[in-house]
Amino acid sequence: MSSSTVLAIIGTYRKNGVIDRITDAVLASAQNAGAKTEKIYLIDKDIKYCTNCRACTQKEGTPRSKCVIRDDMDEIMDKIDKADALVIASPMNCSTVTAVMKTFTERIVCYTYWPWGAKAPKYRITNPDKKAVLIASSAMPAIIARIFTKMVNLLKETAIVLGAKEAKLIFAGLSAIDNKQEIKDKVLQKADKMGKYLAQPL
């Protein structure tokens, strides 16, 4: 049986910060369980804003349509399509994901079919076959952030659009107390568990 491929899409601005280190823990666990892993830092990529032209949403019948904008999104989405499992990670800024992650989520509209005249888009991927782990952090306690913001819903919707059949969550609250914030043992233990989960076939 071939190894699972786990791709991490990271929307943090701080390499080696809380989100990055939790992601590393998940990927290390997945590697130890036999998976191949890769990280993509969105801040290192050329990702232009969606213009809402909806040219990519008009053609029916393909898992992913072609965006008219030429940048690094084609490369990123090619890797997403080939991956068996995804990690989608972002800290919370202004009660939602970071701007670079939001830019990414707007550009994946090409995974939907939304012709002119239709009231709402439909998922192109009708038989999802990926696992996903969502990683989020916030300055506020995790329980408060999950109740009073829509960040987790956005991350879940992103995973579903990209073909995730199921998505699990790691949420690290109270993560902005120190410049070099320590990650709680229970979060790292969950990261280890989630890495093993991603390495196993769906």
Protein backbone atom coordinates (compact mmCIF):
# COMPACT_ATOMS: atom_id res chain seq x y z
CA MET A 1 0.00 0.00 0.00
CA SER A 2 1.41 3.41 -0.99
CA SER A 3 2.08 6.09 1.61
CA SER A 4 -0.52 8.76 2.26
CA THR A 5 0.37 12.29 1.22
CA VAL A 6 -0.42 15.05 3.72
CA LEU A 7 -0.33 18.65 2.52
CA ALA A 8 -0.36 21.56 4.97
CA ILE A 9 -1.70 24.95 3.86
CA ILE A 10 -0.44 27.50 6.38
CA GLY A 11 -1.90 30.99 6.71
CA THR A 12 0.33 32.34 9.47
CA TYR A 13 2.61 35.37 9.13
CA ARG A 14 4.99 34.06 11.81
CA LYS A 15 7.13 31.10 10.90
CA ASN A 16 7.97 29.07 13.99
CA GLY A 17 5.04 30.66 15.79
CA VAL A 18 2.20 28.79 17.49
CA ILE A 19 0.39 27.72 14.32
CA ASP A 20 3.60 26.68 12.59
CA ARG A 21 4.83 24.61 15.53
CA ILE A 22 1.49 22.84 15.97
CA THR A 23 1.49 22.08 12.25
CA ASP A 24 5.04 20.71 12.53
CA ALA A 25 3.91 18.43 15.36
CA VAL A 26 1.04 17.08 13.26
CA LEU A 27 3.27 16.51 10.24
CA ALA A 28 6.03 14.88 12.31
CA SER A 29 3.51 12.43 13.73
CA ALA A 30 2.16 11.71 10.25
CA GLN A 31 5.68 11.10 8.96
CA ASN A 32 6.41 8.72 11.83
CA ALA A 33 3.26 6.84 10.85
CA GLY A 34 4.52 6.49 7.27
CA ALA A 35 3.02 9.48 5.47
CA LYS A 36 4.73 11.86 3.08
CA THR A 37 4.26 15.48 4.08
CA GLU A 38 4.66 18.96 2.61
CA LYS A 39 4.11 22.49 3.90
CA ILE A 40 2.98 25.49 1.88
CA TYR A 41 3.32 28.92 3.47
CA LEU A 42 0.79 31.14 1.75
CA ILE A 43 2.87 34.24 2.54
CA ASP A 44 5.66 32.85 0.34
CA LYS A 45 3.37 32.47 -2.67
CA ASP A 46 2.08 34.89 -5.28
CA ILE A 47 -1.67 34.78 -4.65
CA LYS A 48 -3.66 37.58 -6.20
CA TYR A 49 -7.13 38.65 -5.08
CA CYS A 50 -10.21 37.03 -6.57
CA THR A 51 -11.93 39.55 -8.86
CA ASN A 52 -15.39 37.93 -8.59
CA CYS A 53 -15.51 37.53 -12.38
CA ARG A 54 -16.88 33.97 -11.86
CA ALA A 55 -15.42 32.78 -15.16
CA CYS A 56 -14.15 29.70 -13.30
CA THR A 57 -17.62 28.77 -12.02
CA GLN A 58 -19.48 28.60 -15.33
CA LYS A 59 -18.31 25.27 -16.78
CA GLU A 60 -20.04 22.18 -15.39
CA GLY A 61 -18.65 18.71 -14.86
CA THR A 62 -15.04 19.10 -13.71
CA PRO A 63 -13.70 18.73 -10.15
CA ARG A 64 -11.93 22.04 -10.53
CA SER A 65 -12.23 24.73 -13.15
CA LYS A 66 -9.41 26.96 -14.39
CA CYS A 67 -8.95 30.42 -12.92
CA VAL A 68 -8.13 33.15 -15.41
CA ILE A 69 -5.59 34.68 -13.00
CA ARG A 70 -2.03 33.49 -13.53
CA ASP A 71 -0.15 33.15 -10.25
CA ASP A 72 0.87 30.39 -7.83
CA MET A 73 -2.66 29.15 -7.12
CA ASP A 74 -2.57 26.63 -9.98
CA GLU A 75 0.51 25.00 -8.45
CA ILE A 76 -1.06 24.98 -4.98
CA MET A 77 -4.35 23.51 -6.19
CA ASP A 78 -2.56 20.82 -8.22
CA LYS A 79 -0.89 19.70 -4.99
CA ILE A 80 -4.19 19.84 -3.10
CA ASP A 81 -5.85 17.63 -5.71
CA LYS A 82 -3.07 15.01 -5.42
CA ALA A 83 -3.00 14.97 -1.61
CA ASP A 84 -4.77 12.30 0.43
CA ALA A 85 -5.12 14.56 3.47
CA LEU A 86 -4.95 18.26 4.25
CA VAL A 87 -3.92 20.45 7.14
CA ILE A 88 -5.47 23.92 6.94
CA ALA A 89 -3.95 26.23 9.55
CA SER A 90 -4.42 29.87 10.51
CA PRO A 91 -4.23 32.06 13.59
CA MET A 92 -7.18 34.31 14.33
CA ASN A 93 -6.93 37.94 13.27
CA CYS A 94 -9.89 40.27 13.85
CA SER A 95 -12.16 37.33 14.72
CA THR A 96 -11.43 35.34 11.55
CA VAL A 97 -8.59 33.80 9.56
CA THR A 98 -5.64 35.90 8.43
CA ALA A 99 -5.93 38.03 5.29
CA VAL A 100 -3.63 35.72 3.33
CA MET A 101 -5.76 32.69 4.25
CA LYS A 102 -8.94 34.58 3.35
CA THR A 103 -7.44 35.48 -0.03
CA PHE A 104 -6.73 31.78 -0.56
CA THR A 105 -10.26 30.75 0.44
CA GLU A 106 -11.81 33.22 -1.98
CA ARG A 107 -9.71 31.86 -4.84
CA ILE A 108 -10.91 28.27 -4.37
CA VAL A 109 -14.32 29.26 -5.72
CA CYS A 110 -13.15 27.41 -8.85
CA TYR A 111 -14.04 24.21 -6.96
CA THR A 112 -17.70 25.26 -7.22
CA TYR A 113 -20.22 25.36 -10.06
CA TRP A 114 -22.14 28.63 -10.06
CA PRO A 115 -23.52 29.64 -13.45
CA TRP A 116 -25.14 33.01 -13.94
CA GLY A 117 -28.79 32.78 -12.97
CA ALA A 118 -28.16 30.33 -10.12
CA LYS A 119 -28.81 31.66 -6.62
CA ALA A 120 -25.92 29.84 -4.96
CA PRO A 121 -22.87 27.73 -5.86
CA LYS A 122 -22.70 23.93 -5.74
CA TYR A 123 -19.70 21.83 -4.77
CA ARG A 124 -17.94 20.34 -7.78
CA ILE A 125 -16.49 17.50 -5.69
CA THR A 126 -19.52 15.32 -5.01
CA ASN A 127 -17.62 12.29 -3.68
CA PRO A 128 -15.12 13.72 -1.18
CA ASP A 129 -12.23 11.40 -0.38
CA LYS A 130 -9.80 13.39 1.77
CA LYS A 131 -9.21 13.76 5.48
CA ALA A 132 -8.51 17.18 6.95
CA VAL A 133 -7.22 18.62 10.19
CA LEU A 134 -7.95 22.27 10.90
CA ILE A 135 -5.55 24.17 13.15
CA ALA A 136 -6.54 27.49 14.69
CA SER A 137 -5.24 29.71 17.47
CA SER A 138 -6.53 32.81 19.21
CA ALA A 139 -5.65 35.26 21.95
CA MET A 140 -9.00 34.57 23.62
CA PRO A 141 -9.85 31.22 25.24
CA ALA A 142 -10.64 28.55 22.65
CA ILE A 143 -14.20 27.98 23.88
CA ILE A 144 -15.02 31.69 23.58
CA ALA A 145 -13.46 31.93 20.13
CA ARG A 146 -15.41 28.93 18.86
CA ILE A 147 -18.74 30.22 20.19
CA PHE A 148 -18.50 33.89 19.25
CA THR A 149 -16.61 33.83 15.94
CA LYS A 150 -17.17 32.07 12.62
CA MET A 151 -13.53 31.21 12.03
CA VAL A 152 -13.94 27.46 12.52
CA ASN A 153 -16.92 27.41 10.17
CA LEU A 154 -14.82 29.09 7.48
CA LEU A 155 -12.00 26.59 7.90
CA LYS A 156 -14.46 23.68 7.74
CA GLU A 157 -16.11 25.06 4.62
CA THR A 158 -12.68 25.44 3.02
CA ALA A 159 -11.88 21.80 3.72
CA ILE A 160 -15.24 20.63 2.34
CA VAL A 161 -14.86 22.64 -0.86
CA LEU A 162 -11.41 21.08 -1.37
CA GLY A 163 -12.78 17.55 -1.09
CA ALA A 164 -12.56 16.67 2.59
CA LYS A 165 -15.01 14.00 3.71
CA GLU A 166 -14.29 14.73 7.35
CA ALA A 167 -12.39 17.44 9.21
CA LYS A 168 -11.08 17.43 12.77
CA LEU A 169 -10.01 20.49 14.77
CA ILE A 170 -7.10 21.58 16.92
CA PHE A 171 -7.80 24.95 18.55
CA ALA A 172 -5.14 26.56 20.74
CA GLY A 173 -6.61 29.36 22.83
CA LEU A 174 -4.77 31.96 24.93
CA SER A 175 -1.96 31.86 22.38
CA ALA A 176 -0.82 35.49 22.42
CA ILE A 177 0.33 35.98 25.99
CA ASP A 178 4.06 35.81 25.27
CA ASN A 179 6.19 36.63 22.24
CA LYS A 180 7.45 33.03 22.22
CA GLN A 181 4.26 31.34 23.37
CA GLU A 182 4.61 27.87 24.84
CA ILE A 183 2.23 25.28 23.43
CA LYS A 184 0.29 23.32 26.01
CA ASP A 185 1.00 19.61 26.35
CA LYS A 186 -2.62 18.69 25.65
CA VAL A 187 -2.45 20.54 22.32
CA LEU A 188 0.76 18.73 21.35
CA GLN A 189 -0.78 15.42 22.38
CA LYS A 190 -3.76 16.12 20.15
CA ALA A 191 -1.40 17.11 17.33
CA ASP A 192 0.35 13.75 17.64
CA LYS A 193 -3.00 11.96 17.53
CA MET A 194 -4.15 13.95 14.51
CA GLY A 195 -0.94 13.21 12.62
CA LYS A 196 -1.48 9.48 13.05
CA TYR A 197 -5.08 9.93 11.96
CA LEU A 198 -4.07 11.70 8.75
CA ALA A 199 -1.53 9.01 7.88
CA GLN A 200 -4.19 6.30 7.78
CA PRO A 201 -6.37 5.73 4.69
CA LEU A 202 -9.89 7.12 4.87
